[in-house]
Amino acid sequence: MARTKDKSTVKDRHVSFRLSVEEHFRLMDKAQRSGLSVGDFVRARSLGARKRKPATVTAMSPLPADLDLAIQLRKIGVNVNQIAHHCNRFQVPPPAELEPLLRDIRRLLTASFGPSG
């Protein structure tokens, strides 16, 4: 038998807003450091809800160069994702310049962080 939900706690409303790439990166980082999902974090901050106990995260704080690299990689990833979305939506092949660019990105990532799993 299915569990009945309390009508007062059903989350059936959707809120949407736009962020810049940097704002989105900061929001995801703050939510992760607080041990909450992005939705729970925004809900807690905007509605003054009781915070959950943060998960214990043992991560070194990034060096400024590492943070800058992460931001740059995220920007590149967003651009590649937009290209892929466009190609899939309109059923067009990816640009010829994309494959060499992806090879270069993979080579740089391997040189910086080692081979990926």
N, C-alpha and C. Protein backbone atom coordinates (compact mmCIF):
# COMPACT_ATOMS: atom_id res chain seq x y z
N MET A 1 0.85 -1.17 0.00
CA MET A 1 0.00 0.00 0.00
C MET A 1 0.89 1.24 0.00
N ALA A 2 0.53 2.20 -0.82
CA ALA A 2 1.31 3.42 -0.92
C ALA A 2 1.14 4.27 0.33
N ARG A 3 2.21 4.91 0.68
CA ARG A 3 2.19 5.79 1.85
C ARG A 3 1.49 7.09 1.49
N THR A 4 0.59 7.56 2.33
CA THR A 4 -0.08 8.83 2.07
C THR A 4 0.78 9.96 2.61
N LYS A 5 0.86 11.02 1.84
CA LYS A 5 1.67 12.16 2.24
C LYS A 5 0.80 13.20 2.92
N ASP A 6 1.38 13.86 3.89
CA ASP A 6 0.71 14.96 4.56
C ASP A 6 0.59 16.10 3.56
N LYS A 7 -0.60 16.60 3.32
CA LYS A 7 -0.84 17.64 2.31
C LYS A 7 -0.05 18.91 2.58
N SER A 8 0.26 19.19 3.83
CA SER A 8 0.98 20.42 4.15
C SER A 8 2.46 20.35 3.80
N THR A 9 3.00 19.15 3.57
CA THR A 9 4.43 19.03 3.26
C THR A 9 4.69 18.66 1.81
N VAL A 10 3.66 18.48 1.01
CA VAL A 10 3.85 18.14 -0.40
C VAL A 10 4.40 19.37 -1.12
N LYS A 11 5.50 19.18 -1.81
CA LYS A 11 6.14 20.28 -2.53
C LYS A 11 5.70 20.18 -3.99
N ASP A 12 4.63 20.89 -4.32
CA ASP A 12 4.09 20.82 -5.67
C ASP A 12 4.16 22.16 -6.41
N ARG A 13 4.95 23.09 -5.91
CA ARG A 13 5.12 24.37 -6.57
C ARG A 13 6.57 24.48 -7.03
N HIS A 14 6.76 25.14 -8.17
CA HIS A 14 8.09 25.25 -8.77
C HIS A 14 8.47 26.73 -8.86
N VAL A 15 9.70 27.05 -8.47
CA VAL A 15 10.23 28.40 -8.58
C VAL A 15 11.46 28.34 -9.46
N SER A 16 11.56 29.26 -10.39
CA SER A 16 12.69 29.26 -11.32
C SER A 16 13.29 30.65 -11.38
N PHE A 17 14.62 30.72 -11.41
CA PHE A 17 15.29 32.00 -11.59
C PHE A 17 16.62 31.74 -12.26
N ARG A 18 17.15 32.77 -12.89
CA ARG A 18 18.38 32.64 -13.67
C ARG A 18 19.58 33.14 -12.86
N LEU A 19 20.73 32.50 -13.11
CA LEU A 19 21.98 32.89 -12.48
C LEU A 19 23.06 32.97 -13.54
N SER A 20 24.08 33.76 -13.27
CA SER A 20 25.25 33.74 -14.15
C SER A 20 26.04 32.46 -13.83
N VAL A 21 27.00 32.15 -14.65
CA VAL A 21 27.82 30.95 -14.43
C VAL A 21 28.52 31.04 -13.08
N GLU A 22 29.07 32.22 -12.78
CA GLU A 22 29.78 32.38 -11.51
C GLU A 22 28.84 32.25 -10.32
N GLU A 23 27.64 32.84 -10.43
CA GLU A 23 26.67 32.74 -9.34
C GLU A 23 26.24 31.29 -9.13
N HIS A 24 26.03 30.58 -10.24
CA HIS A 24 25.63 29.17 -10.13
C HIS A 24 26.73 28.34 -9.48
N PHE A 25 27.97 28.59 -9.85
CA PHE A 25 29.11 27.88 -9.26
C PHE A 25 29.17 28.15 -7.75
N ARG A 26 29.00 29.44 -7.36
CA ARG A 26 29.03 29.79 -5.94
C ARG A 26 27.89 29.15 -5.17
N LEU A 27 26.69 29.13 -5.78
CA LEU A 27 25.53 28.53 -5.12
C LEU A 27 25.75 27.03 -4.90
N MET A 28 26.24 26.34 -5.93
CA MET A 28 26.49 24.90 -5.79
C MET A 28 27.56 24.64 -4.73
N ASP A 29 28.59 25.49 -4.70
CA ASP A 29 29.66 25.33 -3.73
C ASP A 29 29.14 25.53 -2.31
N LYS A 30 28.34 26.58 -2.09
CA LYS A 30 27.80 26.84 -0.75
C LYS A 30 26.87 25.72 -0.30
N ALA A 31 26.04 25.22 -1.22
CA ALA A 31 25.13 24.12 -0.87
C ALA A 31 25.92 22.87 -0.50
N GLN A 32 26.96 22.57 -1.27
CA GLN A 32 27.77 21.38 -0.99
C GLN A 32 28.48 21.52 0.35
N ARG A 33 29.05 22.71 0.62
CA ARG A 33 29.75 22.90 1.89
C ARG A 33 28.80 22.84 3.09
N SER A 34 27.53 23.18 2.87
CA SER A 34 26.57 23.12 3.97
C SER A 34 26.00 21.71 4.14
N GLY A 35 26.29 20.82 3.19
CA GLY A 35 25.78 19.45 3.29
C GLY A 35 24.35 19.31 2.82
N LEU A 36 23.86 20.29 2.05
CA LEU A 36 22.48 20.26 1.57
C LEU A 36 22.45 20.20 0.05
N SER A 37 21.33 19.74 -0.48
CA SER A 37 21.14 19.85 -1.92
C SER A 37 20.92 21.32 -2.25
N VAL A 38 21.04 21.67 -3.52
CA VAL A 38 20.85 23.06 -3.91
C VAL A 38 19.43 23.52 -3.55
N GLY A 39 18.43 22.68 -3.82
CA GLY A 39 17.05 23.04 -3.50
C GLY A 39 16.85 23.25 -2.01
N ASP A 40 17.36 22.33 -1.19
CA ASP A 40 17.23 22.46 0.26
C ASP A 40 17.97 23.70 0.76
N PHE A 41 19.14 23.97 0.17
CA PHE A 41 19.92 25.13 0.59
C PHE A 41 19.17 26.43 0.29
N VAL A 42 18.65 26.57 -0.94
CA VAL A 42 17.93 27.78 -1.32
C VAL A 42 16.67 27.92 -0.46
N ARG A 43 15.96 26.82 -0.23
CA ARG A 43 14.76 26.85 0.60
C ARG A 43 15.10 27.31 2.02
N ALA A 44 16.16 26.75 2.57
CA ALA A 44 16.56 27.09 3.94
C ALA A 44 16.96 28.56 4.04
N ARG A 45 17.73 29.03 3.08
CA ARG A 45 18.20 30.42 3.13
C ARG A 45 17.07 31.41 2.87
N SER A 46 16.18 31.08 1.95
CA SER A 46 15.14 32.04 1.60
C SER A 46 13.97 32.04 2.57
N LEU A 47 13.66 30.90 3.15
CA LEU A 47 12.51 30.83 4.04
C LEU A 47 12.90 30.79 5.52
N GLY A 48 14.18 30.82 5.80
CA GLY A 48 14.63 30.80 7.18
C GLY A 48 14.32 29.48 7.85
N ALA A 49 14.29 28.42 7.05
CA ALA A 49 13.99 27.09 7.59
C ALA A 49 15.13 26.62 8.47
N ARG A 50 14.81 25.69 9.34
CA ARG A 50 15.83 25.13 10.22
C ARG A 50 16.86 24.38 9.38
N LYS A 51 18.12 24.64 9.66
CA LYS A 51 19.19 23.98 8.92
C LYS A 51 19.36 22.55 9.40
N ARG A 52 19.66 21.69 8.45
CA ARG A 52 20.02 20.33 8.81
C ARG A 52 21.47 20.33 9.27
N LYS A 53 21.83 19.30 9.99
CA LYS A 53 23.22 19.18 10.42
C LYS A 53 24.09 18.97 9.18
N PRO A 54 25.10 19.81 8.98
CA PRO A 54 25.93 19.67 7.79
C PRO A 54 26.68 18.35 7.79
N ALA A 55 26.84 17.80 6.61
CA ALA A 55 27.62 16.58 6.47
C ALA A 55 29.09 16.93 6.71
N THR A 56 29.81 16.01 7.29
CA THR A 56 31.23 16.27 7.53
C THR A 56 31.98 16.10 6.21
N VAL A 57 32.56 17.19 5.77
CA VAL A 57 33.30 17.19 4.52
C VAL A 57 34.74 17.52 4.86
N THR A 58 35.63 16.63 4.49
CA THR A 58 37.05 16.88 4.72
C THR A 58 37.71 17.18 3.39
N ALA A 59 37.67 18.44 3.02
CA ALA A 59 38.27 18.86 1.77
C ALA A 59 39.16 20.05 2.05
N MET A 60 40.30 20.05 1.39
CA MET A 60 41.20 21.18 1.53
C MET A 60 40.59 22.37 0.80
N SER A 61 40.77 23.56 1.35
CA SER A 61 40.27 24.73 0.64
C SER A 61 41.13 24.91 -0.61
N PRO A 62 40.48 25.22 -1.72
CA PRO A 62 41.24 25.31 -2.98
C PRO A 62 42.17 26.50 -2.99
N LEU A 63 43.27 26.34 -3.65
CA LEU A 63 44.18 27.45 -3.86
C LEU A 63 43.54 28.38 -4.88
N PRO A 64 43.85 29.67 -4.84
CA PRO A 64 43.24 30.59 -5.81
C PRO A 64 43.42 30.13 -7.26
N ALA A 65 44.58 29.59 -7.59
CA ALA A 65 44.81 29.12 -8.96
C ALA A 65 43.89 27.95 -9.28
N ASP A 66 43.68 27.04 -8.31
CA ASP A 66 42.79 25.90 -8.54
C ASP A 66 41.35 26.36 -8.72
N LEU A 67 40.94 27.35 -7.94
CA LEU A 67 39.58 27.86 -8.05
C LEU A 67 39.39 28.53 -9.40
N ASP A 68 40.38 29.30 -9.83
CA ASP A 68 40.31 29.94 -11.14
C ASP A 68 40.24 28.90 -12.24
N LEU A 69 41.04 27.84 -12.12
CA LEU A 69 41.02 26.76 -13.11
C LEU A 69 39.65 26.09 -13.13
N ALA A 70 39.07 25.85 -11.95
CA ALA A 70 37.76 25.22 -11.88
C ALA A 70 36.69 26.10 -12.53
N ILE A 71 36.76 27.38 -12.31
CA ILE A 71 35.79 28.30 -12.92
C ILE A 71 35.95 28.29 -14.44
N GLN A 72 37.19 28.32 -14.92
CA GLN A 72 37.43 28.30 -16.36
C GLN A 72 36.95 26.98 -16.98
N LEU A 73 37.22 25.86 -16.30
CA LEU A 73 36.76 24.57 -16.81
C LEU A 73 35.24 24.51 -16.85
N ARG A 74 34.61 25.08 -15.84
CA ARG A 74 33.14 25.09 -15.81
C ARG A 74 32.59 25.90 -16.99
N LYS A 75 33.20 27.04 -17.27
CA LYS A 75 32.75 27.86 -18.40
C LYS A 75 32.89 27.09 -19.72
N ILE A 76 34.02 26.39 -19.88
CA ILE A 76 34.22 25.60 -21.09
C ILE A 76 33.18 24.50 -21.17
N GLY A 77 32.93 23.85 -20.03
CA GLY A 77 31.93 22.78 -20.00
C GLY A 77 30.54 23.28 -20.35
N VAL A 78 30.19 24.47 -19.88
CA VAL A 78 28.88 25.05 -20.19
C VAL A 78 28.79 25.31 -21.70
N ASN A 79 29.86 25.84 -22.28
CA ASN A 79 29.84 26.09 -23.72
C ASN A 79 29.72 24.80 -24.52
N VAL A 80 30.47 23.78 -24.15
CA VAL A 80 30.38 22.49 -24.84
C VAL A 80 28.99 21.90 -24.71
N ASN A 81 28.39 22.03 -23.52
CA ASN A 81 27.04 21.53 -23.30
C ASN A 81 26.03 22.28 -24.18
N GLN A 82 26.21 23.58 -24.34
CA GLN A 82 25.30 24.34 -25.20
C GLN A 82 25.42 23.90 -26.65
N ILE A 83 26.64 23.62 -27.09
CA ILE A 83 26.84 23.11 -28.45
C ILE A 83 26.14 21.76 -28.61
N ALA A 84 26.34 20.87 -27.65
CA ALA A 84 25.71 19.55 -27.72
C ALA A 84 24.19 19.67 -27.72
N HIS A 85 23.65 20.54 -26.87
CA HIS A 85 22.20 20.73 -26.81
C HIS A 85 21.67 21.22 -28.16
N HIS A 86 22.34 22.18 -28.75
CA HIS A 86 21.93 22.72 -30.05
C HIS A 86 21.96 21.63 -31.12
N CYS A 87 23.06 20.87 -31.14
CA CYS A 87 23.20 19.80 -32.15
C CYS A 87 22.10 18.75 -31.98
N ASN A 88 21.82 18.37 -30.75
CA ASN A 88 20.79 17.37 -30.51
C ASN A 88 19.40 17.90 -30.83
N ARG A 89 19.14 19.14 -30.46
CA ARG A 89 17.81 19.71 -30.66
C ARG A 89 17.48 19.87 -32.14
N PHE A 90 18.45 20.32 -32.93
CA PHE A 90 18.20 20.58 -34.33
C PHE A 90 18.74 19.48 -35.26
N GLN A 91 19.19 18.38 -34.67
CA GLN A 91 19.66 17.23 -35.45
C GLN A 91 20.72 17.63 -36.48
N VAL A 92 21.72 18.40 -36.00
CA VAL A 92 22.83 18.78 -36.87
C VAL A 92 24.10 18.18 -36.31
N PRO A 93 25.04 17.84 -37.18
CA PRO A 93 26.30 17.28 -36.67
C PRO A 93 27.10 18.35 -35.96
N PRO A 94 27.95 17.95 -35.00
CA PRO A 94 28.77 18.94 -34.30
C PRO A 94 29.76 19.59 -35.26
N PRO A 95 30.20 20.81 -34.94
CA PRO A 95 31.17 21.47 -35.81
C PRO A 95 32.46 20.67 -35.90
N ALA A 96 33.11 20.75 -37.03
CA ALA A 96 34.36 19.99 -37.25
C ALA A 96 35.45 20.41 -36.27
N GLU A 97 35.41 21.66 -35.80
CA GLU A 97 36.44 22.16 -34.89
C GLU A 97 36.29 21.60 -33.48
N LEU A 98 35.16 20.97 -33.18
CA LEU A 98 34.89 20.52 -31.82
C LEU A 98 35.79 19.34 -31.40
N GLU A 99 35.97 18.37 -32.27
CA GLU A 99 36.75 17.17 -31.89
C GLU A 99 38.20 17.50 -31.53
N PRO A 100 38.93 18.29 -32.35
CA PRO A 100 40.29 18.66 -31.94
C PRO A 100 40.32 19.46 -30.64
N LEU A 101 39.31 20.31 -30.45
CA LEU A 101 39.24 21.09 -29.22
C LEU A 101 39.05 20.18 -28.01
N LEU A 102 38.15 19.21 -28.13
CA LEU A 102 37.94 18.26 -27.03
C LEU A 102 39.19 17.43 -26.75
N ARG A 103 39.92 17.06 -27.81
CA ARG A 103 41.18 16.33 -27.62
C ARG A 103 42.18 17.18 -26.83
N ASP A 104 42.27 18.47 -27.18
CA ASP A 104 43.17 19.38 -26.47
C ASP A 104 42.77 19.52 -25.01
N ILE A 105 41.46 19.65 -24.76
CA ILE A 105 40.98 19.79 -23.38
C ILE A 105 41.31 18.54 -22.59
N ARG A 106 41.06 17.36 -23.17
CA ARG A 106 41.37 16.10 -22.47
C ARG A 106 42.87 15.99 -22.18
N ARG A 107 43.70 16.40 -23.15
CA ARG A 107 45.16 16.34 -22.95
C ARG A 107 45.58 17.26 -21.82
N LEU A 108 45.02 18.47 -21.77
CA LEU A 108 45.35 19.41 -20.70
C LEU A 108 44.88 18.91 -19.34
N LEU A 109 43.69 18.32 -19.30
CA LEU A 109 43.19 17.78 -18.04
C LEU A 109 44.06 16.63 -17.55
N THR A 110 44.45 15.76 -18.47
CA THR A 110 45.31 14.64 -18.10
C THR A 110 46.66 15.14 -17.59
N ALA A 111 47.20 16.16 -18.25
CA ALA A 111 48.49 16.71 -17.82
C ALA A 111 48.36 17.38 -16.45
N SER A 112 47.22 18.02 -16.17
CA SER A 112 47.04 18.73 -14.91
C SER A 112 46.64 17.81 -13.76
N PHE A 113 45.75 16.84 -14.03
CA PHE A 113 45.16 16.05 -12.96
C PHE A 113 45.43 14.55 -13.06
N GLY A 114 46.14 14.12 -14.08
CA GLY A 114 46.38 12.69 -14.27
C GLY A 114 45.24 12.05 -15.04
N PRO A 115 45.42 10.78 -15.41
CA PRO A 115 44.38 10.11 -16.18
C PRO A 115 43.10 9.96 -15.38
N SER A 116 41.97 10.11 -16.04
CA SER A 116 40.68 9.97 -15.36
C SER A 116 40.28 8.51 -15.33
N GLY A 117 39.44 8.18 -14.28
CA GLY A 117 39.02 6.81 -14.04
C GLY A 117 38.23 6.26 -15.13
